[in-house]
PDB file of N, CA and C in Angstrom:
ATOM      1  N   MET A   1       0.797  -4.771  13.183  1.00  0.00           N
ATOM      2  CA  MET A   1       0.486  -4.951  11.723  1.00  0.00           C
ATOM      3  C   MET A   1       0.048  -3.114  11.810  1.00  0.00           C
ATOM      4  N   CYS A   2      -0.233  -2.307  10.510  1.00  0.00           N
ATOM      5  CA  CYS A   2      -0.902  -1.469  10.466  1.00  0.00           C
ATOM      6  C   CYS A   2      -2.229  -1.265  10.845  1.00  0.00           C
ATOM      7  N   ARG A   3      -2.843   0.086  10.817  1.00  0.00           N
ATOM      8  CA  ARG A   3      -4.373   0.244  10.814  1.00  0.00           C
ATOM      9  C   ARG A   3      -4.776   1.124   9.262  1.00  0.00           C
ATOM     10  N   GLU A   4      -4.210   1.157   8.457  1.00  0.00           N
ATOM     11  CA  GLU A   4      -4.404   1.445   7.029  1.00  0.00           C
ATOM     12  C   GLU A   4      -5.374   0.336   6.271  1.00  0.00           C
ATOM     13  N   SER A   5      -5.025  -0.853   6.372  1.00  0.00           N
ATOM     14  CA  SER A   5      -5.877  -2.095   5.514  1.00  0.00           C
ATOM     15  C   SER A   5      -6.552  -2.865   6.749  1.00  0.00           C
ATOM     16  N   PHE A   6      -6.647  -4.176   5.942  1.00  0.00           N
ATOM     17  CA  PHE A   6      -6.764  -4.983   6.670  1.00  0.00           C
ATOM     18  C   PHE A   6      -6.199  -6.700   6.812  1.00  0.00           C
ATOM     19  N   VAL A   7      -6.760  -7.315   7.259  1.00  0.00           N
ATOM     20  CA  VAL A   7      -5.806  -8.830   7.624  1.00  0.00           C
ATOM     21  C   VAL A   7      -6.434  -9.787   6.584  1.00  0.00           C
ATOM     22  N   LYS A   8      -5.978 -10.234   5.874  1.00  0.00           N
ATOM     23  CA  LYS A   8      -6.295 -11.712   4.948  1.00  0.00           C
ATOM     24  C   LYS A   8      -5.769 -12.813   5.514  1.00  0.00           C
ATOM     25  N   TRP A   9      -6.692 -13.564   5.098  1.00  0.00           N
ATOM     26  CA  TRP A   9      -6.128 -15.033   5.979  1.00  0.00           C
ATOM     27  C   TRP A   9      -6.085 -16.164   4.861  1.00  0.00           C
ATOM     28  N   MET A  10      -4.996 -16.349   4.535  1.00  0.00           N
ATOM     29  CA  MET A  10      -4.964 -17.137   3.051  1.00  0.00           C
ATOM     30  C   MET A  10      -4.138 -18.778   3.144  1.00  0.00           C
ATOM     31  N   GLU A  11      -3.911 -19.306   2.423  1.00  0.00           N
ATOM     32  CA  GLU A  11      -2.980 -20.337   2.071  1.00  0.00           C
ATOM     33  C   GLU A  11      -1.947 -20.563   1.101  1.00  0.00           C
ATOM     34  N   VAL A  12      -1.296 -21.441   1.607  1.00  0.00           N
ATOM     35  CA  VAL A  12      -0.272 -21.022   0.005  1.00  0.00           C
ATOM     36  C   VAL A  12      -0.086 -22.040  -0.445  1.00  0.00           C
ATOM     37  N   GLU A  13      -0.098 -21.203  -1.733  1.00  0.00           N
ATOM     38  CA  GLU A  13      -0.786 -22.358  -2.755  1.00  0.00           C
ATOM     39  C   GLU A  13       0.945 -22.363  -3.831  1.00  0.00           C
ATOM     40  N   LYS A  14       1.882 -21.884  -3.820  1.00  0.00           N
ATOM     41  CA  LYS A  14       3.718 -22.505  -4.330  1.00  0.00           C
ATOM     42  C   LYS A  14       3.486 -23.905  -3.655  1.00  0.00           C
ATOM     43  N   ARG A  15       3.581 -24.534  -4.597  1.00  0.00           N
ATOM     44  CA  ARG A  15       4.703 -26.022  -4.246  1.00  0.00           C
ATOM     45  C   ARG A  15       6.096 -25.933  -3.425  1.00  0.00           C
ATOM     46  N   THR A  16       5.637 -25.530  -2.306  1.00  0.00           N
ATOM     47  CA  THR A  16       6.777 -25.788  -1.474  1.00  0.00           C
ATOM     48  C   THR A  16       6.638 -26.469   0.121  1.00  0.00           C
ATOM     49  N   VAL A  17       7.526 -26.819   1.038  1.00  0.00           N
ATOM     50  CA  VAL A  17       7.394 -27.732   2.038  1.00  0.00           C
ATOM     51  C   VAL A  17       6.172 -26.477   2.833  1.00  0.00           C
ATOM     52  N   ASN A  18       5.677 -25.810   2.742  1.00  0.00           N
ATOM     53  CA  ASN A  18       4.609 -25.341   3.528  1.00  0.00           C
ATOM     54  C   ASN A  18       3.170 -25.251   2.487  1.00  0.00           C
ATOM     55  N   LEU A  19       3.261 -25.815   1.172  1.00  0.00           N
ATOM     56  CA  LEU A  19       2.145 -25.572   0.431  1.00  0.00           C
ATOM     57  C   LEU A  19       0.961 -26.571   1.303  1.00  0.00           C
ATOM     58  N   GLY A  20      -0.272 -25.568   1.335  1.00  0.00           N
ATOM     59  CA  GLY A  20      -1.630 -26.172   1.834  1.00  0.00           C
ATOM     60  C   GLY A  20      -1.400 -25.387   3.405  1.00  0.00           C
ATOM     61  N   SER A  21      -0.470 -24.293   3.746  1.00  0.00           N
ATOM     62  CA  SER A  21      -0.383 -23.862   4.985  1.00  0.00           C
ATOM     63  C   SER A  21      -1.292 -22.891   5.050  1.00  0.00           C
ATOM     64  N   LEU A  22      -1.779 -22.217   5.933  1.00  0.00           N
ATOM     65  CA  LEU A  22      -2.572 -21.114   5.998  1.00  0.00           C
ATOM     66  C   LEU A  22      -1.697 -20.173   7.234  1.00  0.00           C
ATOM     67  N   PHE A  23      -1.932 -18.758   6.812  1.00  0.00           N
ATOM     68  CA  PHE A  23      -1.041 -17.400   7.763  1.00  0.00           C
ATOM     69  C   PHE A  23      -2.317 -16.584   7.421  1.00  0.00           C
ATOM     70  N   PHE A  24      -1.779 -15.236   7.969  1.00  0.00           N
ATOM     71  CA  PHE A  24      -2.648 -13.949   7.867  1.00  0.00           C
ATOM     72  C   PHE A  24      -1.491 -13.268   7.827  1.00  0.00           C
ATOM     73  N   CYS A  25      -1.966 -12.104   6.899  1.00  0.00           N
ATOM     74  CA  CYS A  25      -0.910 -11.045   6.212  1.00  0.00           C
ATOM     75  C   CYS A  25      -1.974  -9.806   6.144  1.00  0.00           C
ATOM     76  N   CYS A  26      -1.038  -8.829   5.988  1.00  0.00           N
ATOM     77  CA  CYS A  26      -1.827  -7.268   6.019  1.00  0.00           C
ATOM     78  C   CYS A  26      -1.824  -6.889   4.190  1.00  0.00           C
ATOM     79  N   THR A  27      -2.796  -6.642   4.048  1.00  0.00           N
ATOM     80  CA  THR A  27      -2.705  -5.868   2.340  1.00  0.00           C
ATOM     81  C   THR A  27      -2.065  -4.899   2.145  1.00  0.00           C
ATOM     82  N   SER A  28      -1.631  -3.816   2.918  1.00  0.00           N
ATOM     83  CA  SER A  28      -0.850  -3.016   2.832  1.00  0.00           C
ATOM     84  C   SER A  28       0.406  -3.668   2.523  1.00  0.00           C
ATOM     85  N   ASN A  29       1.656  -2.686   2.057  1.00  0.00           N
ATOM     86  CA  ASN A  29       2.888  -3.254   2.407  1.00  0.00           C
ATOM     87  C   ASN A  29       3.376  -2.907   3.746  1.00  0.00           C
ATOM     88  N   CYS A  30       2.951  -3.212   4.852  1.00  0.00           N
ATOM     89  CA  CYS A  30       3.361  -2.850   6.192  1.00  0.00           C
ATOM     90  C   CYS A  30       4.564  -4.598   6.354  1.00  0.00           C
ATOM     91  N   GLY A  31       4.198  -5.487   6.039  1.00  0.00           N
ATOM     92  CA  GLY A  31       5.389  -6.658   6.288  1.00  0.00           C
ATOM     93  C   GLY A  31       4.477  -7.518   6.950  1.00  0.00           C
ATOM     94  N   TYR A  32       3.503  -7.402   7.761  1.00  0.00           N
ATOM     95  CA  TYR A  32       2.839  -8.461   8.525  1.00  0.00           C
ATOM     96  C   TYR A  32       2.373  -9.453   7.792  1.00  0.00           C
ATOM     97  N   PHE A  33       2.761 -10.138   9.016  1.00  0.00           N
ATOM     98  CA  PHE A  33       3.021 -11.650   8.690  1.00  0.00           C
ATOM     99  C   PHE A  33       2.621 -13.010  10.098  1.00  0.00           C
ATOM    100  N   LYS A  34       2.018 -13.903   9.979  1.00  0.00           N
ATOM    101  CA  LYS A  34       1.446 -14.829  10.903  1.00  0.00           C
ATOM    102  C   LYS A  34       1.426 -15.955  10.486  1.00  0.00           C
ATOM    103  N   TRP A  35       2.142 -17.242  10.978  1.00  0.00           N
ATOM    104  CA  TRP A  35       1.522 -18.462  10.822  1.00  0.00           C
ATOM    105  C   TRP A  35       0.190 -18.740  11.518  1.00  0.00           C
ATOM    106  N   SER A  36      -0.670 -18.993  10.400  1.00  0.00           N
ATOM    107  CA  SER A  36      -2.275 -19.452  11.146  1.00  0.00           C
ATOM    108  C   SER A  36      -1.855 -21.023  12.298  1.00  0.00           C
ATOM    109  N   ASP A  37      -2.089 -21.216  13.078  1.00  0.00           N
ATOM    110  CA  ASP A  37      -1.888 -22.823  13.997  1.00  0.00           C
ATOM    111  C   ASP A  37      -3.042 -23.161  13.802  1.00  0.00           C
ATOM    112  N   VAL A  38      -4.520 -22.705  12.961  1.00  0.00           N
ATOM    113  CA  VAL A  38      -5.763 -23.402  13.384  1.00  0.00           C
ATOM    114  C   VAL A  38      -5.934 -23.739  11.827  1.00  0.00           C
ATOM    115  N   SER A  39      -6.011 -24.967  11.370  1.00  0.00           N
ATOM    116  CA  SER A  39      -6.859 -25.265  10.001  1.00  0.00           C
ATOM    117  C   SER A  39      -7.924 -25.645  10.231  1.00  0.00           C
ATOM    118  N   PRO A  40      -8.921 -25.029   8.870  1.00  0.00           N
ATOM    119  CA  PRO A  40     -10.241 -25.194   8.634  1.00  0.00           C
ATOM    120  C   PRO A  40     -10.652 -26.532   8.894  1.00  0.00           C
ATOM    121  N   ILE A  41      -9.695 -27.521   8.324  1.00  0.00           N
ATOM    122  CA  ILE A  41      -9.937 -28.993   7.752  1.00  0.00           C
ATOM    123  C   ILE A  41      -9.751 -29.751   9.222  1.00  0.00           C
ATOM    124  N   GLN A  42      -9.378 -29.304  10.259  1.00  0.00           N
ATOM    125  CA  GLN A  42      -8.943 -29.851  11.262  1.00  0.00           C
ATOM    126  C   GLN A  42      -9.970 -29.968  12.077  1.00  0.00           C
ATOM    127  N   LYS A  43     -11.320 -29.028  12.155  1.00  0.00           N
ATOM    128  CA  LYS A  43     -12.063 -28.642  13.640  1.00  0.00           C
ATOM    129  C   LYS A  43     -13.573 -29.078  12.461  1.00  0.00           C
ATOM    130  N   SER A  44     -14.515 -29.450  12.627  1.00  0.00           N
ATOM    131  CA  SER A  44     -15.593 -29.387  12.218  1.00  0.00           C
ATOM    132  C   SER A  44     -16.406 -27.993  11.701  1.00  0.00           C
ATOM    133  N   VAL A  45     -16.369 -27.587  11.108  1.00  0.00           N
ATOM    134  CA  VAL A  45     -16.639 -25.941  10.674  1.00  0.00           C
ATOM    135  C   VAL A  45     -18.143 -25.792  11.098  1.00  0.00           C
ATOM    136  N   ARG A  46     -19.039 -26.715  10.834  1.00  0.00           N
ATOM    137  CA  ARG A  46     -20.862 -26.640  11.377  1.00  0.00           C
ATOM    138  C   ARG A  46     -21.220 -26.606  12.461  1.00  0.00           C
ATOM    139  N   TYR A  47     -19.977 -27.711  13.740  1.00  0.00           N
ATOM    140  CA  TYR A  47     -20.834 -27.569  14.872  1.00  0.00           C
ATOM    141  C   TYR A  47     -19.709 -27.031  16.239  1.00  0.00           C
ATOM    142  N   GLU A  48     -18.437 -26.446  15.403  1.00  0.00           N
ATOM    143  CA  GLU A  48     -17.716 -25.953  16.364  1.00  0.00           C
ATOM    144  C   GLU A  48     -17.885 -24.625  16.760  1.00  0.00           C
ATOM    145  N   GLY A  49     -18.452 -24.091  16.120  1.00  0.00           N
ATOM    146  CA  GLY A  49     -19.007 -22.609  15.962  1.00  0.00           C
ATOM    147  C   GLY A  49     -17.718 -21.554  15.991  1.00  0.00           C
ATOM    148  N   GLY A  50     -16.629 -22.146  15.220  1.00  0.00           N
ATOM    149  CA  GLY A  50     -15.421 -21.123  15.006  1.00  0.00           C
ATOM    150  C   GLY A  50     -15.962 -20.384  13.950  1.00  0.00           C
ATOM    151  N   SER A  51     -15.540 -19.234  14.370  1.00  0.00           N
ATOM    152  CA  SER A  51     -15.757 -17.917  13.342  1.00  0.00           C
ATOM    153  C   SER A  51     -14.041 -17.205  12.829  1.00  0.00           C
ATOM    154  N   SER A  52     -14.417 -16.693  11.562  1.00  0.00           N
ATOM    155  CA  SER A  52     -13.089 -16.149  10.986  1.00  0.00           C
ATOM    156  C   SER A  52     -13.969 -14.558  10.548  1.00  0.00           C
ATOM    157  N   GLY A  53     -13.189 -13.973  10.873  1.00  0.00           N
ATOM    158  CA  GLY A  53     -13.727 -12.593  10.361  1.00  0.00           C
ATOM    159  C   GLY A  53     -12.555 -11.580   9.689  1.00  0.00           C
ATOM    160  N   VAL A  54     -13.310 -10.323   9.034  1.00  0.00           N
ATOM    161  CA  VAL A  54     -12.327  -9.322   8.458  1.00  0.00           C
ATOM    162  C   VAL A  54     -12.459  -8.440   8.526  1.00  0.00           C
ATOM    163  N   SER A  55     -11.812  -7.420   9.270  1.00  0.00           N
ATOM    164  CA  SER A  55     -12.235  -5.766   9.391  1.00  0.00           C
ATOM    165  C   SER A  55     -11.637  -5.012   8.179  1.00  0.00           C
ATOM    166  N   LEU A  56     -12.645  -4.281   7.665  1.00  0.00           N
ATOM    167  CA  LEU A  56     -11.775  -3.675   6.548  1.00  0.00           C
ATOM    168  C   LEU A  56     -11.728  -1.886   6.996  1.00  0.00           C
ATOM    169  N   ALA A  57     -10.516  -1.497   6.545  1.00  0.00           N
ATOM    170  CA  ALA A  57     -10.746   0.000   6.717  1.00  0.00           C
ATOM    171  C   ALA A  57     -11.556   0.964   5.389  1.00  0.00           C
ATOM    172  N   THR A  58     -11.853   1.723   6.236  1.00  0.00           N
ATOM    173  CA  THR A  58     -12.522   2.927   5.456  1.00  0.00           C
ATOM    174  C   THR A  58     -11.679   3.098   3.664  1.00  0.00           C
ATOM    175  N   SER A  59     -10.483   3.180   4.056  1.00  0.00           N
ATOM    176  CA  SER A  59      -9.311   3.862   2.922  1.00  0.00           C
ATOM    177  C   SER A  59      -9.275   2.536   2.149  1.00  0.00           C
ATOM    178  N   VAL A  60     -10.117   1.662   2.071  1.00  0.00           N
ATOM    179  CA  VAL A  60      -9.617   0.424   1.109  1.00  0.00           C
ATOM    180  C   VAL A  60     -11.120   0.381   0.297  1.00  0.00           C
ATOM    181  N   ASP A  61      -9.762   0.201  -1.125  1.00  0.00           N
ATOM    182  CA  ASP A  61     -10.868   0.384  -2.579  1.00  0.00           C
ATOM    183  C   ASP A  61     -12.041  -0.503  -2.551  1.00  0.00           C
ATOM    184  N   ASN A  62     -13.197  -0.432  -2.659  1.00  0.00           N
ATOM    185  CA  ASN A  62     -14.143  -1.397  -2.952  1.00  0.00           C
ATOM    186  C   ASN A  62     -14.392  -2.528  -3.695  1.00  0.00           C
ATOM    187  N   SER A  63     -13.143  -2.187  -4.753  1.00  0.00           N
ATOM    188  CA  SER A  63     -13.297  -3.709  -5.658  1.00  0.00           C
ATOM    189  C   SER A  63     -11.964  -4.189  -5.084  1.00  0.00           C
ATOM    190  N   VAL A  64     -11.554  -4.086  -4.178  1.00  0.00           N
ATOM    191  CA  VAL A  64     -10.347  -5.013  -3.623  1.00  0.00           C
ATOM    192  C   VAL A  64     -11.185  -6.182  -2.645  1.00  0.00           C
ATOM    193  N   GLN A  65     -12.194  -4.978  -1.684  1.00  0.00           N
ATOM    194  CA  GLN A  65     -12.856  -5.969  -1.045  1.00  0.00           C
ATOM    195  C   GLN A  65     -13.880  -6.918  -1.423  1.00  0.00           C
ATOM    196  N   THR A  66     -14.617  -6.830  -2.721  1.00  0.00           N
ATOM    197  CA  THR A  66     -14.981  -7.074  -3.339  1.00  0.00           C
ATOM    198  C   THR A  66     -14.115  -8.545  -3.784  1.00  0.00           C
ATOM    199  N   GLU A  67     -13.033  -8.098  -4.055  1.00  0.00           N
ATOM    200  CA  GLU A  67     -12.205  -9.273  -5.397  1.00  0.00           C
ATOM    201  C   GLU A  67     -11.746 -10.544  -3.765  1.00  0.00           C
ATOM    202  N   ASP A  68     -11.233  -9.841  -2.401  1.00  0.00           N
ATOM    203  CA  ASP A  68     -10.997 -10.930  -1.564  1.00  0.00           C
ATOM    204  C   ASP A  68     -11.975 -11.861  -0.857  1.00  0.00           C
ATOM    205  N   LEU A  69     -13.384 -10.794  -0.697  1.00  0.00           N
ATOM    206  CA  LEU A  69     -14.475 -11.778  -0.461  1.00  0.00           C
ATOM    207  C   LEU A  69     -14.440 -12.856  -1.470  1.00  0.00           C
ATOM    208  N   TRP A  70     -15.133 -12.464  -2.460  1.00  0.00           N
ATOM    209  CA  TRP A  70     -14.873 -13.344  -3.638  1.00  0.00           C
ATOM    210  C   TRP A  70     -13.686 -14.535  -3.135  1.00  0.00           C
ATOM    211  N   CYS A  71     -12.606 -14.679  -3.456  1.00  0.00           N
ATOM    212  CA  CYS A  71     -11.556 -15.175  -3.139  1.00  0.00           C
ATOM    213  C   CYS A  71     -11.784 -15.994  -1.601  1.00  0.00           C
ATOM    214  N   ILE A  72     -12.712 -15.787  -0.669  1.00  0.00           N
ATOM    215  CA  ILE A  72     -12.752 -15.896   0.606  1.00  0.00           C
ATOM    216  C   ILE A  72     -13.489 -17.237   0.340  1.00  0.00           C
ATOM    217  N   VAL A  73     -14.848 -16.997  -0.408  1.00  0.00           N
ATOM    218  CA  VAL A  73     -15.836 -17.687  -0.843  1.00  0.00           C
ATOM    219  C   VAL A  73     -15.003 -18.817  -1.591  1.00  0.00           C
ATOM    220  N   LYS A  74     -14.407 -18.685  -2.766  1.00  0.00           N
ATOM    221  CA  LYS A  74     -14.275 -19.613  -3.810  1.00  0.00           C
ATOM    222  C   LYS A  74     -13.110 -20.359  -2.889  1.00  0.00           C
ATOM    223  N   MET A  75     -12.133 -20.107  -1.693  1.00  0.00           N
ATOM    224  CA  MET A  75     -11.633 -20.962  -0.937  1.00  0.00           C
ATOM    225  C   MET A  75     -12.361 -22.177   0.096  1.00  0.00           C
ATOM    226  N   PHE A  76     -13.442 -21.432   0.670  1.00  0.00           N
ATOM    227  CA  PHE A  76     -14.668 -22.175   0.981  1.00  0.00           C
ATOM    228  C   PHE A  76     -14.898 -23.242   0.259  1.00  0.00           C
ATOM    229  N   VAL A  77     -15.281 -23.112  -0.874  1.00  0.00           N
ATOM    230  CA  VAL A  77     -16.123 -24.030  -1.824  1.00  0.00           C
ATOM    231  C   VAL A  77     -14.775 -25.046  -2.229  1.00  0.00           C
ATOM    232  N   ARG A  78     -13.873 -24.642  -2.565  1.00  0.00           N
ATOM    233  CA  ARG A  78     -12.765 -25.914  -2.595  1.00  0.00           C
ATOM    234  C   ARG A  78     -12.338 -26.414  -1.323  1.00  0.00           C
ATOM    235  N   ILE A  79     -12.560 -26.132  -0.122  1.00  0.00           N
ATOM    236  CA  ILE A  79     -12.435 -27.164   0.857  1.00  0.00           C
ATOM    237  C   ILE A  79     -13.081 -27.851   1.170  1.00  0.00           C
ATOM    238  N   SER A  80     -14.512 -27.578   1.250  1.00  0.00           N
ATOM    239  CA  SER A  80     -15.744 -28.554   0.933  1.00  0.00           C
ATOM    240  C   SER A  80     -15.542 -29.223   0.140  1.00  0.00           C
ATOM    241  N   GLU A  81     -15.144 -29.307  -1.030  1.00  0.00           N
ATOM    242  CA  GLU A  81     -15.517 -30.218  -2.238  1.00  0.00           C
ATOM    243  C   GLU A  81     -13.874 -31.094  -1.556  1.00  0.00           C
ATOM    244  N   GLU A  82     -13.278 -30.690  -1.342  1.00  0.00           N
ATOM    245  CA  GLU A  82     -12.117 -31.679  -1.207  1.00  0.00           C
ATOM    246  C   GLU A  82     -11.991 -32.282   0.411  1.00  0.00           C
ATOM    247  N   GLU A  83     -12.606 -31.620   1.138  1.00  0.00           N
ATOM    248  CA  GLU A  83     -12.611 -32.249   2.027  1.00  0.00           C
ATOM    249  C   GLU A  83     -14.233 -33.199   2.784  1.00  0.00           C
ATOM    250  N   ASP A  84     -15.150 -33.027   1.544  1.00  0.00           N
ATOM    251  CA  ASP A  84     -15.876 -33.347   1.635  1.00  0.00           C
ATOM    252  C   ASP A  84     -16.989 -32.837   2.558  1.00  0.00           C
ATOM    253  N   VAL A  85     -17.365 -31.836   3.346  1.00  0.00           N
ATOM    254  CA  VAL A  85     -17.758 -31.064   4.125  1.00  0.00           C
ATOM    255  C   VAL A  85     -18.667 -29.824   4.128  1.00  0.00           C
ATOM    256  N   GLU A  86     -19.273 -29.739   5.010  1.00  0.00           N
ATOM    257  CA  GLU A  86     -20.229 -28.702   4.732  1.00  0.00           C
ATOM    258  C   GLU A  86     -19.768 -27.441   5.460  1.00  0.00           C
ATOM    259  N   ILE A  87     -19.873 -26.415   5.040  1.00  0.00           N
ATOM    260  CA  ILE A  87     -19.882 -25.172   5.149  1.00  0.00           C
ATOM    261  C   ILE A  87     -20.264 -24.070   5.442  1.00  0.00           C
ATOM    262  N   PHE A  88     -21.036 -23.267   6.251  1.00  0.00           N
ATOM    263  CA  PHE A  88     -22.162 -22.350   6.526  1.00  0.00           C
ATOM    264  C   PHE A  88     -21.640 -21.154   6.430  1.00  0.00           C
ATOM    265  N   LEU A  89     -21.459 -20.029   5.447  1.00  0.00           N
ATOM    266  CA  LEU A  89     -21.394 -18.853   5.265  1.00  0.00           C
ATOM    267  C   LEU A  89     -22.227 -18.006   5.686  1.00  0.00           C
ATOM    268  N   ASN A  90     -21.779 -16.931   6.913  1.00  0.00           N
ATOM    269  CA  ASN A  90     -22.615 -15.723   7.218  1.00  0.00           C
ATOM    270  C   ASN A  90     -22.064 -14.405   6.857  1.00  0.00           C
ATOM    271  N   VAL A  91     -22.600 -13.773   5.992  1.00  0.00           N
ATOM    272  CA  VAL A  91     -21.810 -12.555   5.572  1.00  0.00           C
ATOM    273  C   VAL A  91     -23.056 -10.989   5.666  1.00  0.00           C
ATOM    274  N   THR A  92     -22.101 -10.337   6.375  1.00  0.00           N
ATOM    275  CA  THR A  92     -22.903  -8.964   7.029  1.00  0.00           C
ATOM    276  C   THR A  92     -22.182  -7.715   6.435  1.00  0.00           C
ATOM    277  N   ILE A  93     -22.807  -6.979   5.272  1.00  0.00           N
ATOM    278  CA  ILE A  93     -22.250  -5.844   5.014  1.00  0.00           C
ATOM    279  C   ILE A  93     -23.177  -4.879   5.311  1.00  0.00           C
ATOM    280  N   GLY A  94     -22.095  -3.958   5.618  1.00  0.00           N
ATOM    281  CA  GLY A  94     -22.631  -2.948   6.612  1.00  0.00           C
ATOM    282  C   GLY A  94     -22.037  -1.440   5.599  1.00  0.00           C
ATOM    283  N   LYS A  95     -23.033  -0.100   5.920  1.00  0.00           N
ATOM    284  CA  LYS A  95     -22.117   0.556   5.179  1.00  0.00           C
ATOM    285  C   LYS A  95     -22.181   1.907   6.167  1.00  0.00           C
ATOM    286  N   GLY A  96     -21.106   2.367   6.916  1.00  0.00           N
ATOM    287  CA  GLY A  96     -21.295   3.075   7.903  1.00  0.00           C
ATOM    288  C   GLY A  96     -21.846   2.391   9.427  1.00  0.00           C
ATOM    289  N   LYS A  97     -22.849   2.851   9.526  1.00  0.00           N
ATOM    290  CA  LYS A  97     -23.033   1.905  11.170  1.00  0.00           C
ATOM    291  C   LYS A  97     -24.434   1.504  10.628  1.00  0.00           C
ATOM    292  N   ASP A  98     -24.866   1.824   9.425  1.00  0.00           N
ATOM    293  CA  ASP A  98     -26.010   1.145   9.299  1.00  0.00           C
ATOM    294  C   ASP A  98     -26.208  -0.349   8.736  1.00  0.00           C
ATOM    295  N   ILE A  99     -26.668  -1.763   9.357  1.00  0.00           N
ATOM    296  CA  ILE A  99     -27.049  -2.818   8.636  1.00  0.00           C
ATOM    297  C   ILE A  99     -28.029  -3.357   8.449  1.00  0.00           C
ATOM    298  N   VAL A 100     -28.367  -3.849   6.819  1.00  0.00           N
ATOM    299  CA  VAL A 100     -29.896  -4.377   6.629  1.00  0.00           C
ATOM    300  C   VAL A 100     -29.658  -5.855   6.649  1.00  0.00           C
ATOM    301  N   GLU A 101     -30.923  -6.336   7.367  1.00  0.00           N
ATOM    302  CA  GLU A 101     -30.863  -8.015   7.714  1.00  0.00           C
ATOM    303  C   GLU A 101     -31.287  -8.188   6.426  1.00  0.00           C
ATOM    304  N   GLU A 102     -31.252  -9.727   6.251  1.00  0.00           N
ATOM    305  CA  GLU A 102     -32.169 -10.317   5.102  1.00  0.00           C
ATOM    306  C   GLU A 102     -33.410  -9.756   4.685  1.00  0.00           C
ATOM    307  N   ASN A 103     -34.095  -9.494   6.006  1.00  0.00           N
ATOM    308  CA  ASN A 103     -35.768  -9.470   5.403  1.00  0.00           C
ATOM    309  C   ASN A 103     -35.815  -7.854   5.332  1.00  0.00           C
ATOM    310  N   GLY A 104     -34.662  -7.087   4.367  1.00  0.00           N
ATOM    311  CA  GLY A 104     -34.541  -5.482   4.340  1.00  0.00           C
ATOM    312  C   GLY A 104     -34.677  -4.953   5.396  1.00  0.00           C
ATOM    313  N   LYS A 105     -35.359  -5.081   6.652  1.00  0.00           N
ATOM    314  CA  LYS A 105     -35.237  -4.060   7.789  1.00  0.00           C
ATOM    315  C   LYS A 105     -34.082  -3.959   8.674  1.00  0.00           C
ATOM    316  N   ARG A 106     -33.911  -2.672   8.688  1.00  0.00           N
ATOM    317  CA  ARG A 106     -32.575  -2.203   9.196  1.00  0.00           C
ATOM    318  C   ARG A 106     -32.502  -2.166  10.418  1.00  0.00           C
ATOM    319  N   LYS A 107     -31.094  -2.525  10.653  1.00  0.00           N
ATOM    320  CA  LYS A 107     -30.726  -3.350  12.068  1.00  0.00           C
ATOM    321  C   LYS A 107     -29.568  -2.333  12.209  1.00  0.00           C
ATOM    322  N   GLY A 108     -29.818  -1.707  13.581  1.00  0.00           N
ATOM    323  CA  GLY A 108     -28.320  -0.834  13.411  1.00  0.00           C
ATOM    324  C   GLY A 108     -29.367   0.102  13.820  1.00  0.00           C
ATOM    325  N   PRO A 109     -28.477   1.909  14.177  1.00  0.00           N
ATOM    326  CA  PRO A 109     -28.647   3.175  14.800  1.00  0.00           C
ATOM    327  C   PRO A 109     -29.678   3.502  13.744  1.00  0.00           C
ATOM    328  N   THR A 110     -30.648   4.507  14.435  1.00  0.00           N
ATOM    329  CA  THR A 110     -31.098   5.098  13.339  1.00  0.00           C
ATOM    330  C   THR A 110     -30.765   6.343  13.156  1.00  0.00           C
ATOM    331  N   GLU A 111     -31.684   7.486  12.452  1.00  0.00           N
ATOM    332  CA  GLU A 111     -30.845   8.767  12.862  1.00  0.00           C
ATOM    333  C   GLU A 111     -31.374   9.601  14.028  1.00  0.00           C
ATOM    334  N   ASP A 112     -32.040   8.908  14.631  1.00  0.00           N
ATOM    335  CA  ASP A 112     -32.372   9.704  16.141  1.00  0.00           C
ATOM    336  C   ASP A 112     -31.005   9.017  16.914  1.00  0.00           C
ATOM    337  N   ASP A 113     -30.377   8.377  16.311  1.00  0.00           N
ATOM    338  CA  ASP A 113     -29.233   8.096  17.272  1.00  0.00           C
ATOM    339  C   ASP A 113     -27.941   9.090  17.707  1.00  0.00           C
TER     340      ASP A 113
END
């Protein structure tokens, strides 16, 4: 996998024998592909404490990142409705090294760091 982009966790939507299967792929054209061996509906999302992350490179266009985040949210909504499960999503959005918590206080390095 290249280090110029980020990995997306996706689901096969084309009507083939792999319909509904999950996989990882790189958002650039490096050709990275790996089937996911864990299905989100095989484990309890609420109680297992599992997580899925996306690490974004600084060279990726913000509009692409926003679109990908929206696709992830829509996937969780669809899974929640189809499987009648509750899915809790915690998103942290940071710029540089600063992270802002929900209450508006800074979390992360200060100017003195």
